[in-house]
Amino acid sequence: MEFCLFYVMAKLWRSVVVSILFWGFAKQITTVEEAKRFYPLFGLGANFALVFSRQTVKYFSKLRENLGLGVDGWAFFLTAMMSIMVVMGLTICFLYWWVNYNVSLPTCSKKKKKKPMIGMMES
């Protein structure tokens, strides 16, 4: 039962929280003119990451199949995948800090232009 609940919560986390946080950050650091150019690249990068995630899952699934008797394969698989998730989460936190400290601060020191408000149809 706990694996089922874990799977549901993991899917919700990726779909809801990570997507909202990423697109909120992308909106914060790009202007409307830049968004026209960079948003398709962001989407392409997200789809490109699926290739690596698929290979990672296949690798750990094969390792799980070759474990000896008495070893819980699902616990090994989840521990390995969650370890990768923690490392990647820390990497994302570092990159967020780095962008805000090194990229956003020099541009924030200048007088900011007010971003034009656009409607749903225009965006």
PDB file of N, CA and C in Angstrom:
ATOM      1  N   MET A   1       0.816  -1.208   0.000  1.00  0.00           N
ATOM      2  CA  MET A   1       0.000   0.000   0.000  1.00  0.00           C
ATOM      3  C   MET A   1       0.851   1.260   0.000  1.00  0.00           C
ATOM      4  N   GLU A   2       1.957   1.233   0.779  1.00  0.00           N
ATOM      5  CA  GLU A   2       2.773   2.449   0.861  1.00  0.00           C
ATOM      6  C   GLU A   2       3.449   2.765  -0.471  1.00  0.00           C
ATOM      7  N   PHE A   3       3.765   1.726  -1.269  1.00  0.00           N
ATOM      8  CA  PHE A   3       4.357   1.991  -2.569  1.00  0.00           C
ATOM      9  C   PHE A   3       3.350   2.657  -3.507  1.00  0.00           C
ATOM     10  N   CYS A   4       2.108   2.257  -3.419  1.00  0.00           N
ATOM     11  CA  CYS A   4       1.056   2.860  -4.239  1.00  0.00           C
ATOM     12  C   CYS A   4       0.868   4.334  -3.888  1.00  0.00           C
ATOM     13  N   LEU A   5       0.802   4.621  -2.597  1.00  0.00           N
ATOM     14  CA  LEU A   5       0.669   6.008  -2.154  1.00  0.00           C
ATOM     15  C   LEU A   5       1.893   6.827  -2.547  1.00  0.00           C
ATOM     16  N   PHE A   6       3.076   6.228  -2.418  1.00  0.00           N
ATOM     17  CA  PHE A   6       4.307   6.908  -2.816  1.00  0.00           C
ATOM     18  C   PHE A   6       4.275   7.249  -4.304  1.00  0.00           C
ATOM     19  N   TYR A   7       3.849   6.311  -5.133  1.00  0.00           N
ATOM     20  CA  TYR A   7       3.782   6.535  -6.570  1.00  0.00           C
ATOM     21  C   TYR A   7       2.823   7.675  -6.911  1.00  0.00           C
ATOM     22  N   VAL A   8       1.662   7.690  -6.305  1.00  0.00           N
ATOM     23  CA  VAL A   8       0.679   8.747  -6.572  1.00  0.00           C
ATOM     24  C   VAL A   8       1.228  10.109  -6.169  1.00  0.00           C
ATOM     25  N   MET A   9       1.830  10.197  -4.984  1.00  0.00           N
ATOM     26  CA  MET A   9       2.373  11.473  -4.519  1.00  0.00           C
ATOM     27  C   MET A   9       3.550  11.929  -5.379  1.00  0.00           C
ATOM     28  N   ALA A  10       4.376  10.989  -5.839  1.00  0.00           N
ATOM     29  CA  ALA A  10       5.503  11.345  -6.697  1.00  0.00           C
ATOM     30  C   ALA A  10       5.013  11.899  -8.028  1.00  0.00           C
ATOM     31  N   LYS A  11       3.981  11.314  -8.576  1.00  0.00           N
ATOM     32  CA  LYS A  11       3.437  11.809  -9.841  1.00  0.00           C
ATOM     33  C   LYS A  11       2.820  13.192  -9.667  1.00  0.00           C
ATOM     34  N   LEU A  12       2.105  13.399  -8.573  1.00  0.00           N
ATOM     35  CA  LEU A  12       1.525  14.711  -8.320  1.00  0.00           C
ATOM     36  C   LEU A  12       2.600  15.764  -8.106  1.00  0.00           C
ATOM     37  N   TRP A  13       3.670  15.413  -7.418  1.00  0.00           N
ATOM     38  CA  TRP A  13       4.745  16.356  -7.163  1.00  0.00           C
ATOM     39  C   TRP A  13       5.348  16.843  -8.479  1.00  0.00           C
ATOM     40  N   ARG A  14       5.655  15.927  -9.381  1.00  0.00           N
ATOM     41  CA  ARG A  14       6.265  16.309 -10.647  1.00  0.00           C
ATOM     42  C   ARG A  14       5.313  17.136 -11.490  1.00  0.00           C
ATOM     43  N   SER A  15       4.097  16.704 -11.552  1.00  0.00           N
ATOM     44  CA  SER A  15       3.143  17.360 -12.431  1.00  0.00           C
ATOM     45  C   SER A  15       2.753  18.743 -11.941  1.00  0.00           C
ATOM     46  N   VAL A  16       2.532  18.879 -10.672  1.00  0.00           N
ATOM     47  CA  VAL A  16       1.985  20.123 -10.147  1.00  0.00           C
ATOM     48  C   VAL A  16       3.078  21.054  -9.638  1.00  0.00           C
ATOM     49  N   VAL A  17       3.792  20.627  -8.650  1.00  0.00           N
ATOM     50  CA  VAL A  17       4.707  21.522  -7.954  1.00  0.00           C
ATOM     51  C   VAL A  17       5.897  21.912  -8.810  1.00  0.00           C
ATOM     52  N   VAL A  18       6.575  20.943  -9.383  1.00  0.00           N
ATOM     53  CA  VAL A  18       7.781  21.256 -10.145  1.00  0.00           C
ATOM     54  C   VAL A  18       7.441  22.092 -11.376  1.00  0.00           C
ATOM     55  N   SER A  19       6.358  21.783 -12.053  1.00  0.00           N
ATOM     56  CA  SER A  19       5.971  22.560 -13.235  1.00  0.00           C
ATOM     57  C   SER A  19       5.633  24.002 -12.869  1.00  0.00           C
ATOM     58  N   ILE A  20       4.876  24.188 -11.802  1.00  0.00           N
ATOM     59  CA  ILE A  20       4.507  25.545 -11.389  1.00  0.00           C
ATOM     60  C   ILE A  20       5.736  26.343 -10.968  1.00  0.00           C
ATOM     61  N   LEU A  21       6.625  25.717 -10.203  1.00  0.00           N
ATOM     62  CA  LEU A  21       7.835  26.419  -9.771  1.00  0.00           C
ATOM     63  C   LEU A  21       8.725  26.785 -10.956  1.00  0.00           C
ATOM     64  N   PHE A  22       8.887  25.853 -11.905  1.00  0.00           N
ATOM     65  CA  PHE A  22       9.747  26.143 -13.056  1.00  0.00           C
ATOM     66  C   PHE A  22       9.188  27.264 -13.909  1.00  0.00           C
ATOM     67  N   TRP A  23       7.915  27.174 -14.271  1.00  0.00           N
ATOM     68  CA  TRP A  23       7.360  28.197 -15.149  1.00  0.00           C
ATOM     69  C   TRP A  23       7.234  29.547 -14.440  1.00  0.00           C
ATOM     70  N   GLY A  24       7.032  29.541 -13.144  1.00  0.00           N
ATOM     71  CA  GLY A  24       7.052  30.798 -12.388  1.00  0.00           C
ATOM     72  C   GLY A  24       8.424  31.443 -12.417  1.00  0.00           C
ATOM     73  N   PHE A  25       9.476  30.631 -12.276  1.00  0.00           N
ATOM     74  CA  PHE A  25      10.839  31.149 -12.350  1.00  0.00           C
ATOM     75  C   PHE A  25      11.166  31.625 -13.756  1.00  0.00           C
ATOM     76  N   ALA A  26      10.731  30.876 -14.761  1.00  0.00           N
ATOM     77  CA  ALA A  26      10.979  31.279 -16.147  1.00  0.00           C
ATOM     78  C   ALA A  26      10.301  32.617 -16.444  1.00  0.00           C
ATOM     79  N   LYS A  27       9.087  32.815 -15.934  1.00  0.00           N
ATOM     80  CA  LYS A  27       8.383  34.082 -16.137  1.00  0.00           C
ATOM     81  C   LYS A  27       9.088  35.229 -15.415  1.00  0.00           C
ATOM     82  N   GLN A  28       9.675  34.919 -14.274  1.00  0.00           N
ATOM     83  CA  GLN A  28      10.359  35.935 -13.484  1.00  0.00           C
ATOM     84  C   GLN A  28      11.621  36.456 -14.170  1.00  0.00           C
ATOM     85  N   ILE A  29      12.343  35.593 -14.871  1.00  0.00           N
ATOM     86  CA  ILE A  29      13.640  36.009 -15.412  1.00  0.00           C
ATOM     87  C   ILE A  29      13.603  36.360 -16.894  1.00  0.00           C
ATOM     88  N   THR A  30      12.480  36.156 -17.580  1.00  0.00           N
ATOM     89  CA  THR A  30      12.422  36.483 -18.996  1.00  0.00           C
ATOM     90  C   THR A  30      11.393  37.569 -19.261  1.00  0.00           C
ATOM     91  N   THR A  31      11.674  38.356 -20.272  1.00  0.00           N
ATOM     92  CA  THR A  31      10.715  39.363 -20.709  1.00  0.00           C
ATOM     93  C   THR A  31       9.772  38.718 -21.723  1.00  0.00           C
ATOM     94  N   VAL A  32       8.766  39.456 -22.142  1.00  0.00           N
ATOM     95  CA  VAL A  32       7.806  38.915 -23.103  1.00  0.00           C
ATOM     96  C   VAL A  32       8.495  38.619 -24.433  1.00  0.00           C
ATOM     97  N   GLU A  33       9.405  39.503 -24.853  1.00  0.00           N
ATOM     98  CA  GLU A  33      10.116  39.289 -26.122  1.00  0.00           C
ATOM     99  C   GLU A  33      11.027  38.065 -26.034  1.00  0.00           C
ATOM    100  N   GLU A  34      11.701  37.887 -24.889  1.00  0.00           N
ATOM    101  CA  GLU A  34      12.573  36.730 -24.720  1.00  0.00           C
ATOM    102  C   GLU A  34      11.768  35.446 -24.607  1.00  0.00           C
ATOM    103  N   ALA A  35      10.580  35.528 -24.038  1.00  0.00           N
ATOM    104  CA  ALA A  35       9.756  34.339 -23.850  1.00  0.00           C
ATOM    105  C   ALA A  35       9.387  33.708 -25.187  1.00  0.00           C
ATOM    106  N   LYS A  36       9.143  34.523 -26.194  1.00  0.00           N
ATOM    107  CA  LYS A  36       8.801  33.999 -27.512  1.00  0.00           C
ATOM    108  C   LYS A  36       9.929  33.131 -28.057  1.00  0.00           C
ATOM    109  N   ARG A  37      11.147  33.470 -27.689  1.00  0.00           N
ATOM    110  CA  ARG A  37      12.306  32.745 -28.192  1.00  0.00           C
ATOM    111  C   ARG A  37      12.687  31.561 -27.301  1.00  0.00           C
ATOM    112  N   PHE A  38      12.589  31.717 -25.974  1.00  0.00           N
ATOM    113  CA  PHE A  38      13.132  30.721 -25.070  1.00  0.00           C
ATOM    114  C   PHE A  38      12.127  29.681 -24.575  1.00  0.00           C
ATOM    115  N   TYR A  39      10.856  29.973 -24.506  1.00  0.00           N
ATOM    116  CA  TYR A  39       9.891  29.008 -23.977  1.00  0.00           C
ATOM    117  C   TYR A  39       9.858  27.706 -24.782  1.00  0.00           C
ATOM    118  N   PRO A  40       9.909  27.758 -26.120  1.00  0.00           N
ATOM    119  CA  PRO A  40       9.979  26.478 -26.844  1.00  0.00           C
ATOM    120  C   PRO A  40      11.234  25.680 -26.507  1.00  0.00           C
ATOM    121  N   LEU A  41      12.345  26.357 -26.254  1.00  0.00           N
ATOM    122  CA  LEU A  41      13.564  25.646 -25.866  1.00  0.00           C
ATOM    123  C   LEU A  41      13.433  25.009 -24.495  1.00  0.00           C
ATOM    124  N   PHE A  42      12.735  25.675 -23.581  1.00  0.00           N
ATOM    125  CA  PHE A  42      12.492  25.098 -22.258  1.00  0.00           C
ATOM    126  C   PHE A  42      11.665  23.820 -22.391  1.00  0.00           C
ATOM    127  N   GLY A  43      10.639  23.857 -23.217  1.00  0.00           N
ATOM    128  CA  GLY A  43       9.814  22.672 -23.436  1.00  0.00           C
ATOM    129  C   GLY A  43      10.591  21.544 -24.093  1.00  0.00           C
ATOM    130  N   LEU A  44      11.458  21.893 -25.043  1.00  0.00           N
ATOM    131  CA  LEU A  44      12.300  20.891 -25.693  1.00  0.00           C
ATOM    132  C   LEU A  44      13.260  20.261 -24.689  1.00  0.00           C
ATOM    133  N   GLY A  45      13.817  21.078 -23.800  1.00  0.00           N
ATOM    134  CA  GLY A  45      14.713  20.549 -22.770  1.00  0.00           C
ATOM    135  C   GLY A  45      14.000  19.596 -21.830  1.00  0.00           C
ATOM    136  N   ALA A  46      12.760  19.901 -21.490  1.00  0.00           N
ATOM    137  CA  ALA A  46      11.987  19.018 -20.616  1.00  0.00           C
ATOM    138  C   ALA A  46      11.731  17.675 -21.292  1.00  0.00           C
ATOM    139  N   ASN A  47      11.428  17.688 -22.584  1.00  0.00           N
ATOM    140  CA  ASN A  47      11.203  16.439 -23.304  1.00  0.00           C
ATOM    141  C   ASN A  47      12.499  15.672 -23.510  1.00  0.00           C
ATOM    142  N   PHE A  48      13.606  16.378 -23.663  1.00  0.00           N
ATOM    143  CA  PHE A  48      14.905  15.731 -23.824  1.00  0.00           C
ATOM    144  C   PHE A  48      15.312  15.028 -22.530  1.00  0.00           C
ATOM    145  N   ALA A  49      14.925  15.593 -21.394  1.00  0.00           N
ATOM    146  CA  ALA A  49      15.235  14.986 -20.100  1.00  0.00           C
ATOM    147  C   ALA A  49      14.516  13.658 -19.920  1.00  0.00           C
ATOM    148  N   LEU A  50      13.400  13.461 -20.591  1.00  0.00           N
ATOM    149  CA  LEU A  50      12.678  12.190 -20.495  1.00  0.00           C
ATOM    150  C   LEU A  50      13.512  11.029 -21.026  1.00  0.00           C
ATOM    151  N   VAL A  51      14.368  11.292 -22.009  1.00  0.00           N
ATOM    152  CA  VAL A  51      15.228  10.241 -22.550  1.00  0.00           C
ATOM    153  C   VAL A  51      16.170   9.735 -21.458  1.00  0.00           C
ATOM    154  N   PHE A  52      16.763  10.657 -20.705  1.00  0.00           N
ATOM    155  CA  PHE A  52      17.680  10.253 -19.647  1.00  0.00           C
ATOM    156  C   PHE A  52      16.953   9.565 -18.498  1.00  0.00           C
ATOM    157  N   SER A  53      15.772  10.024 -18.176  1.00  0.00           N
ATOM    158  CA  SER A  53      15.037   9.397 -17.075  1.00  0.00           C
ATOM    159  C   SER A  53      14.630   7.972 -17.451  1.00  0.00           C
ATOM    160  N   ARG A  54      14.264   7.749 -18.680  1.00  0.00           N
ATOM    161  CA  ARG A  54      13.895   6.406 -19.125  1.00  0.00           C
ATOM    162  C   ARG A  54      15.085   5.460 -19.013  1.00  0.00           C
ATOM    163  N   GLN A  55      16.260   5.923 -19.437  1.00  0.00           N
ATOM    164  CA  GLN A  55      17.450   5.084 -19.360  1.00  0.00           C
ATOM    165  C   GLN A  55      17.830   4.780 -17.914  1.00  0.00           C
ATOM    166  N   THR A  56      17.643   5.745 -17.028  1.00  0.00           N
ATOM    167  CA  THR A  56      17.952   5.543 -15.620  1.00  0.00           C
ATOM    168  C   THR A  56      17.021   4.505 -14.998  1.00  0.00           C
ATOM    169  N   VAL A  57      15.744   4.604 -15.299  1.00  0.00           N
ATOM    170  CA  VAL A  57      14.776   3.634 -14.767  1.00  0.00           C
ATOM    171  C   VAL A  57      15.082   2.238 -15.295  1.00  0.00           C
ATOM    172  N   LYS A  58      15.415   2.117 -16.568  1.00  0.00           N
ATOM    173  CA  LYS A  58      15.755   0.813 -17.132  1.00  0.00           C
ATOM    174  C   LYS A  58      16.995   0.225 -16.460  1.00  0.00           C
ATOM    175  N   TYR A  59      17.991   1.066 -16.197  1.00  0.00           N
ATOM    176  CA  TYR A  59      19.224   0.601 -15.568  1.00  0.00           C
ATOM    177  C   TYR A  59      18.954   0.050 -14.167  1.00  0.00           C
ATOM    178  N   PHE A  60      18.220   0.807 -13.358  1.00  0.00           N
ATOM    179  CA  PHE A  60      17.946   0.353 -12.001  1.00  0.00           C
ATOM    180  C   PHE A  60      16.963  -0.817 -11.975  1.00  0.00           C
ATOM    181  N   SER A  61      16.103  -0.935 -12.966  1.00  0.00           N
ATOM    182  CA  SER A  61      15.219  -2.095 -13.037  1.00  0.00           C
ATOM    183  C   SER A  61      16.016  -3.369 -13.312  1.00  0.00           C
ATOM    184  N   LYS A  62      17.015  -3.261 -14.188  1.00  0.00           N
ATOM    185  CA  LYS A  62      17.863  -4.428 -14.451  1.00  0.00           C
ATOM    186  C   LYS A  62      18.681  -4.793 -13.220  1.00  0.00           C
ATOM    187  N   LEU A  63      19.169  -3.794 -12.481  1.00  0.00           N
ATOM    188  CA  LEU A  63      19.890  -4.084 -11.244  1.00  0.00           C
ATOM    189  C   LEU A  63      18.978  -4.765 -10.232  1.00  0.00           C
ATOM    190  N   ARG A  64      17.752  -4.326 -10.163  1.00  0.00           N
ATOM    191  CA  ARG A  64      16.782  -4.887  -9.218  1.00  0.00           C
ATOM    192  C   ARG A  64      16.513  -6.355  -9.533  1.00  0.00           C
ATOM    193  N   GLU A  65      16.465  -6.697 -10.806  1.00  0.00           N
ATOM    194  CA  GLU A  65      16.206  -8.080 -11.192  1.00  0.00           C
ATOM    195  C   GLU A  65      17.352  -9.010 -10.801  1.00  0.00           C
ATOM    196  N   ASN A  66      18.565  -8.487 -10.739  1.00  0.00           N
ATOM    197  CA  ASN A  66      19.735  -9.316 -10.468  1.00  0.00           C
ATOM    198  C   ASN A  66      20.118  -9.356  -8.997  1.00  0.00           C
ATOM    199  N   LEU A  67      19.296  -8.823  -8.112  1.00  0.00           N
ATOM    200  CA  LEU A  67      19.594  -8.880  -6.686  1.00  0.00           C
ATOM    201  C   LEU A  67      19.386 -10.296  -6.158  1.00  0.00           C
ATOM    202  N   GLY A  68      20.094 -10.610  -5.100  1.00  0.00           N
ATOM    203  CA  GLY A  68      19.997 -11.945  -4.517  1.00  0.00           C
ATOM    204  C   GLY A  68      18.691 -12.142  -3.776  1.00  0.00           C
ATOM    205  N   LEU A  69      18.523 -13.349  -3.278  1.00  0.00           N
ATOM    206  CA  LEU A  69      17.330 -13.686  -2.514  1.00  0.00           C
ATOM    207  C   LEU A  69      17.357 -12.965  -1.173  1.00  0.00           C
ATOM    208  N   GLY A  70      16.208 -12.574  -0.707  1.00  0.00           N
ATOM    209  CA  GLY A  70      16.104 -11.905   0.580  1.00  0.00           C
ATOM    210  C   GLY A  70      16.314 -10.403   0.514  1.00  0.00           C
ATOM    211  N   VAL A  71      16.594  -9.872  -0.662  1.00  0.00           N
ATOM    212  CA  VAL A  71      16.782  -8.431  -0.823  1.00  0.00           C
ATOM    213  C   VAL A  71      15.506  -7.860  -1.434  1.00  0.00           C
ATOM    214  N   ASP A  72      14.963  -6.852  -0.805  1.00  0.00           N
ATOM    215  CA  ASP A  72      13.736  -6.227  -1.313  1.00  0.00           C
ATOM    216  C   ASP A  72      14.081  -5.363  -2.525  1.00  0.00           C
ATOM    217  N   GLY A  73      13.680  -5.818  -3.681  1.00  0.00           N
ATOM    218  CA  GLY A  73      14.010  -5.130  -4.927  1.00  0.00           C
ATOM    219  C   GLY A  73      13.373  -3.760  -5.033  1.00  0.00           C
ATOM    220  N   TRP A  74      12.129  -3.632  -4.593  1.00  0.00           N
ATOM    221  CA  TRP A  74      11.446  -2.345  -4.687  1.00  0.00           C
ATOM    222  C   TRP A  74      12.066  -1.322  -3.758  1.00  0.00           C
ATOM    223  N   ALA A  75      12.463  -1.752  -2.571  1.00  0.00           N
ATOM    224  CA  ALA A  75      13.110  -0.824  -1.637  1.00  0.00           C
ATOM    225  C   ALA A  75      14.440  -0.341  -2.217  1.00  0.00           C
ATOM    226  N   PHE A  76      15.199  -1.244  -2.838  1.00  0.00           N
ATOM    227  CA  PHE A  76      16.454  -0.847  -3.488  1.00  0.00           C
ATOM    228  C   PHE A  76      16.195   0.138  -4.614  1.00  0.00           C
ATOM    229  N   PHE A  77      15.205  -0.176  -5.445  1.00  0.00           N
ATOM    230  CA  PHE A  77      14.873   0.679  -6.582  1.00  0.00           C
ATOM    231  C   PHE A  77      14.459   2.073  -6.110  1.00  0.00           C
ATOM    232  N   LEU A  78      13.561   2.135  -5.120  1.00  0.00           N
ATOM    233  CA  LEU A  78      13.096   3.434  -4.624  1.00  0.00           C
ATOM    234  C   LEU A  78      14.204   4.215  -3.939  1.00  0.00           C
ATOM    235  N   THR A  79      15.054   3.529  -3.199  1.00  0.00           N
ATOM    236  CA  THR A  79      16.176   4.213  -2.551  1.00  0.00           C
ATOM    237  C   THR A  79      17.115   4.813  -3.588  1.00  0.00           C
ATOM    238  N   ALA A  80      17.420   4.066  -4.625  1.00  0.00           N
ATOM    239  CA  ALA A  80      18.313   4.563  -5.673  1.00  0.00           C
ATOM    240  C   ALA A  80      17.684   5.748  -6.407  1.00  0.00           C
ATOM    241  N   MET A  81      16.427   5.617  -6.776  1.00  0.00           N
ATOM    242  CA  MET A  81      15.770   6.698  -7.521  1.00  0.00           C
ATOM    243  C   MET A  81      15.601   7.947  -6.660  1.00  0.00           C
ATOM    244  N   MET A  82      15.267   7.781  -5.396  1.00  0.00           N
ATOM    245  CA  MET A  82      15.108   8.935  -4.510  1.00  0.00           C
ATOM    246  C   MET A  82      16.450   9.596  -4.212  1.00  0.00           C
ATOM    247  N   SER A  83      17.511   8.810  -4.183  1.00  0.00           N
ATOM    248  CA  SER A  83      18.845   9.402  -4.015  1.00  0.00           C
ATOM    249  C   SER A  83      19.182  10.297  -5.205  1.00  0.00           C
ATOM    250  N   ILE A  84      18.862   9.828  -6.388  1.00  0.00           N
ATOM    251  CA  ILE A  84      19.083  10.654  -7.588  1.00  0.00           C
ATOM    252  C   ILE A  84      18.213  11.907  -7.528  1.00  0.00           C
ATOM    253  N   MET A  85      16.969  11.755  -7.083  1.00  0.00           N
ATOM    254  CA  MET A  85      16.068  12.910  -6.982  1.00  0.00           C
ATOM    255  C   MET A  85      16.589  13.948  -5.982  1.00  0.00           C
ATOM    256  N   VAL A  86      17.135  13.494  -4.860  1.00  0.00           N
ATOM    257  CA  VAL A  86      17.674  14.427  -3.866  1.00  0.00           C
ATOM    258  C   VAL A  86      18.882  15.166  -4.429  1.00  0.00           C
ATOM    259  N   VAL A  87      19.769  14.451  -5.093  1.00  0.00           N
ATOM    260  CA  VAL A  87      20.949  15.088  -5.684  1.00  0.00           C
ATOM    261  C   VAL A  87      20.527  16.096  -6.753  1.00  0.00           C
ATOM    262  N   MET A  88      19.585  15.731  -7.595  1.00  0.00           N
ATOM    263  CA  MET A  88      19.131  16.653  -8.637  1.00  0.00           C
ATOM    264  C   MET A  88      18.372  17.838  -8.028  1.00  0.00           C
ATOM    265  N   GLY A  89      17.609  17.607  -6.964  1.00  0.00           N
ATOM    266  CA  GLY A  89      16.927  18.704  -6.279  1.00  0.00           C
ATOM    267  C   GLY A  89      17.907  19.698  -5.687  1.00  0.00           C
ATOM    268  N   LEU A  90      18.978  19.195  -5.081  1.00  0.00           N
ATOM    269  CA  LEU A  90      20.012  20.084  -4.547  1.00  0.00           C
ATOM    270  C   LEU A  90      20.724  20.841  -5.666  1.00  0.00           C
ATOM    271  N   THR A  91      20.915  20.177  -6.790  1.00  0.00           N
ATOM    272  CA  THR A  91      21.521  20.845  -7.951  1.00  0.00           C
ATOM    273  C   THR A  91      20.618  21.967  -8.451  1.00  0.00           C
ATOM    274  N   ILE A  92      19.318  21.725  -8.506  1.00  0.00           N
ATOM    275  CA  ILE A  92      18.365  22.751  -8.934  1.00  0.00           C
ATOM    276  C   ILE A  92      18.367  23.916  -7.953  1.00  0.00           C
ATOM    277  N   CYS A  93      18.415  23.624  -6.655  1.00  0.00           N
ATOM    278  CA  CYS A  93      18.470  24.704  -5.650  1.00  0.00           C
ATOM    279  C   CYS A  93      19.723  25.548  -5.829  1.00  0.00           C
ATOM    280  N   PHE A  94      20.859  24.894  -6.075  1.00  0.00           N
ATOM    281  CA  PHE A  94      22.099  25.634  -6.301  1.00  0.00           C
ATOM    282  C   PHE A  94      22.002  26.499  -7.546  1.00  0.00           C
ATOM    283  N   LEU A  95      21.481  25.931  -8.633  1.00  0.00           N
ATOM    284  CA  LEU A  95      21.354  26.709  -9.873  1.00  0.00           C
ATOM    285  C   LEU A  95      20.400  27.885  -9.697  1.00  0.00           C
ATOM    286  N   TYR A  96      19.315  27.693  -8.953  1.00  0.00           N
ATOM    287  CA  TYR A  96      18.383  28.787  -8.682  1.00  0.00           C
ATOM    288  C   TYR A  96      19.087  29.902  -7.905  1.00  0.00           C
ATOM    289  N   TRP A  97      19.835  29.520  -6.880  1.00  0.00           N
ATOM    290  CA  TRP A  97      20.584  30.513  -6.105  1.00  0.00           C
ATOM    291  C   TRP A  97      21.599  31.221  -6.985  1.00  0.00           C
ATOM    292  N   TRP A  98      22.316  30.450  -7.815  1.00  0.00           N
ATOM    293  CA  TRP A  98      23.353  31.041  -8.658  1.00  0.00           C
ATOM    294  C   TRP A  98      22.762  32.030  -9.654  1.00  0.00           C
ATOM    295  N   VAL A  99      21.656  31.676 -10.287  1.00  0.00           N
ATOM    296  CA  VAL A  99      21.022  32.580 -11.255  1.00  0.00           C
ATOM    297  C   VAL A  99      20.543  33.843 -10.552  1.00  0.00           C
ATOM    298  N   ASN A 100      19.914  33.697  -9.397  1.00  0.00           N
ATOM    299  CA  ASN A 100      19.441  34.877  -8.680  1.00  0.00           C
ATOM    300  C   ASN A 100      20.578  35.755  -8.190  1.00  0.00           C
ATOM    301  N   TYR A 101      21.683  35.173  -7.775  1.00  0.00           N
ATOM    302  CA  TYR A 101      22.793  35.945  -7.235  1.00  0.00           C
ATOM    303  C   TYR A 101      23.671  36.545  -8.323  1.00  0.00           C
ATOM    304  N   ASN A 102      23.992  35.779  -9.360  1.00  0.00           N
ATOM    305  CA  ASN A 102      24.938  36.229 -10.383  1.00  0.00           C
ATOM    306  C   ASN A 102      24.284  36.837 -11.618  1.00  0.00           C
ATOM    307  N   VAL A 103      23.093  36.420 -11.946  1.00  0.00           N
ATOM    308  CA  VAL A 103      22.464  36.907 -13.170  1.00  0.00           C
ATOM    309  C   VAL A 103      21.430  37.983 -12.875  1.00  0.00           C
ATOM    310  N   SER A 104      20.555  37.748 -11.923  1.00  0.00           N
ATOM    311  CA  SER A 104      19.454  38.672 -11.661  1.00  0.00           C
ATOM    312  C   SER A 104      19.899  39.923 -10.922  1.00  0.00           C
ATOM    313  N   LEU A 105      20.858  39.827  -9.999  1.00  0.00           N
ATOM    314  CA  LEU A 105      21.253  40.988  -9.207  1.00  0.00           C
ATOM    315  C   LEU A 105      21.854  42.120 -10.042  1.00  0.00           C
ATOM    316  N   PRO A 106      22.789  41.837 -10.967  1.00  0.00           N
ATOM    317  CA  PRO A 106      23.299  42.959 -11.770  1.00  0.00           C
ATOM    318  C   PRO A 106      22.220  43.645 -12.594  1.00  0.00           C
ATOM    319  N   THR A 107      21.241  42.901 -13.085  1.00  0.00           N
ATOM    320  CA  THR A 107      20.179  43.529 -13.863  1.00  0.00           C
ATOM    321  C   THR A 107      19.171  44.223 -12.962  1.00  0.00           C
ATOM    322  N   CYS A 108      19.037  43.762 -11.712  1.00  0.00           N
ATOM    323  CA  CYS A 108      18.088  44.390 -10.794  1.00  0.00           C
ATOM    324  C   CYS A 108      18.600  45.723 -10.270  1.00  0.00           C
ATOM    325  N   SER A 109      19.908  45.915 -10.306  1.00  0.00           N
ATOM    326  CA  SER A 109      20.446  47.169  -9.788  1.00  0.00           C
ATOM    327  C   SER A 109      20.082  48.342 -10.693  1.00  0.00           C
ATOM    328  N   LYS A 110      19.872  48.066 -11.973  1.00  0.00           N
ATOM    329  CA  LYS A 110      19.400  49.114 -12.872  1.00  0.00           C
ATOM    330  C   LYS A 110      17.925  49.347 -12.591  1.00  0.00           C
ATOM    331  N   LYS A 111      17.434  50.475 -13.035  1.00  0.00           N
ATOM    332  CA  LYS A 111      16.018  50.747 -12.841  1.00  0.00           C
ATOM    333  C   LYS A 111      15.210  49.810 -13.725  1.00  0.00           C
ATOM    334  N   LYS A 112      14.339  49.058 -13.101  1.00  0.00           N
ATOM    335  CA  LYS A 112      13.549  48.074 -13.827  1.00  0.00           C
ATOM    336  C   LYS A 112      12.422  48.746 -14.594  1.00  0.00           C
ATOM    337  N   LYS A 113      12.263  48.294 -15.815  1.00  0.00           N
ATOM    338  CA  LYS A 113      11.107  48.725 -16.582  1.00  0.00           C
ATOM    339  C   LYS A 113       9.925  47.870 -16.159  1.00  0.00           C
ATOM    340  N   LYS A 114       8.779  48.476 -16.118  1.00  0.00           N
ATOM    341  CA  LYS A 114       7.588  47.714 -15.756  1.00  0.00           C
ATOM    342  C   LYS A 114       7.194  46.826 -16.926  1.00  0.00           C
ATOM    343  N   LYS A 115       6.985  45.554 -16.639  1.00  0.00           N
ATOM    344  CA  LYS A 115       6.593  44.612 -17.679  1.00  0.00           C
ATOM    345  C   LYS A 115       5.169  44.905 -18.122  1.00  0.00           C
ATOM    346  N   PRO A 116       4.935  44.895 -19.423  1.00  0.00           N
ATOM    347  CA  PRO A 116       3.557  45.141 -19.872  1.00  0.00           C
ATOM    348  C   PRO A 116       2.673  43.956 -19.523  1.00  0.00           C
ATOM    349  N   MET A 117       1.486  44.263 -19.094  1.00  0.00           N
ATOM    350  CA  MET A 117       0.519  43.219 -18.777  1.00  0.00           C
ATOM    351  C   MET A 117      -0.164  42.788 -20.075  1.00  0.00           C
ATOM    352  N   ILE A 118      -0.131  41.505 -20.352  1.00  0.00           N
ATOM    353  CA  ILE A 118      -0.773  41.008 -21.557  1.00  0.00           C
ATOM    354  C   ILE A 118      -1.867  40.037 -21.144  1.00  0.00           C
ATOM    355  N   GLY A 119      -2.854  39.921 -22.006  1.00  0.00           N
ATOM    356  CA  GLY A 119      -3.979  39.052 -21.722  1.00  0.00           C
ATOM    357  C   GLY A 119      -3.702  37.607 -22.044  1.00  0.00           C
ATOM    358  N   MET A 120      -4.643  36.755 -21.741  1.00  0.00           N
ATOM    359  CA  MET A 120      -4.494  35.314 -21.948  1.00  0.00           C
ATOM    360  C   MET A 120      -4.364  34.988 -23.430  1.00  0.00           C
ATOM    361  N   MET A 121      -5.125  35.636 -24.269  1.00  0.00           N
ATOM    362  CA  MET A 121      -5.079  35.335 -25.706  1.00  0.00           C
ATOM    363  C   MET A 121      -3.771  35.782 -26.322  1.00  0.00           C
ATOM    364  N   GLU A 122      -3.219  36.904 -25.878  1.00  0.00           N
ATOM    365  CA  GLU A 122      -1.966  37.396 -26.455  1.00  0.00           C
ATOM    366  C   GLU A 122      -0.779  36.547 -26.029  1.00  0.00           C
ATOM    367  N   SER A 123      -0.812  36.003 -24.822  1.00  0.00           N
ATOM    368  CA  SER A 123       0.326  35.207 -24.361  1.00  0.00           C
ATOM    369  C   SER A 123       0.255  33.791 -24.906  1.00  0.00           C
TER     370      SER A 123
END
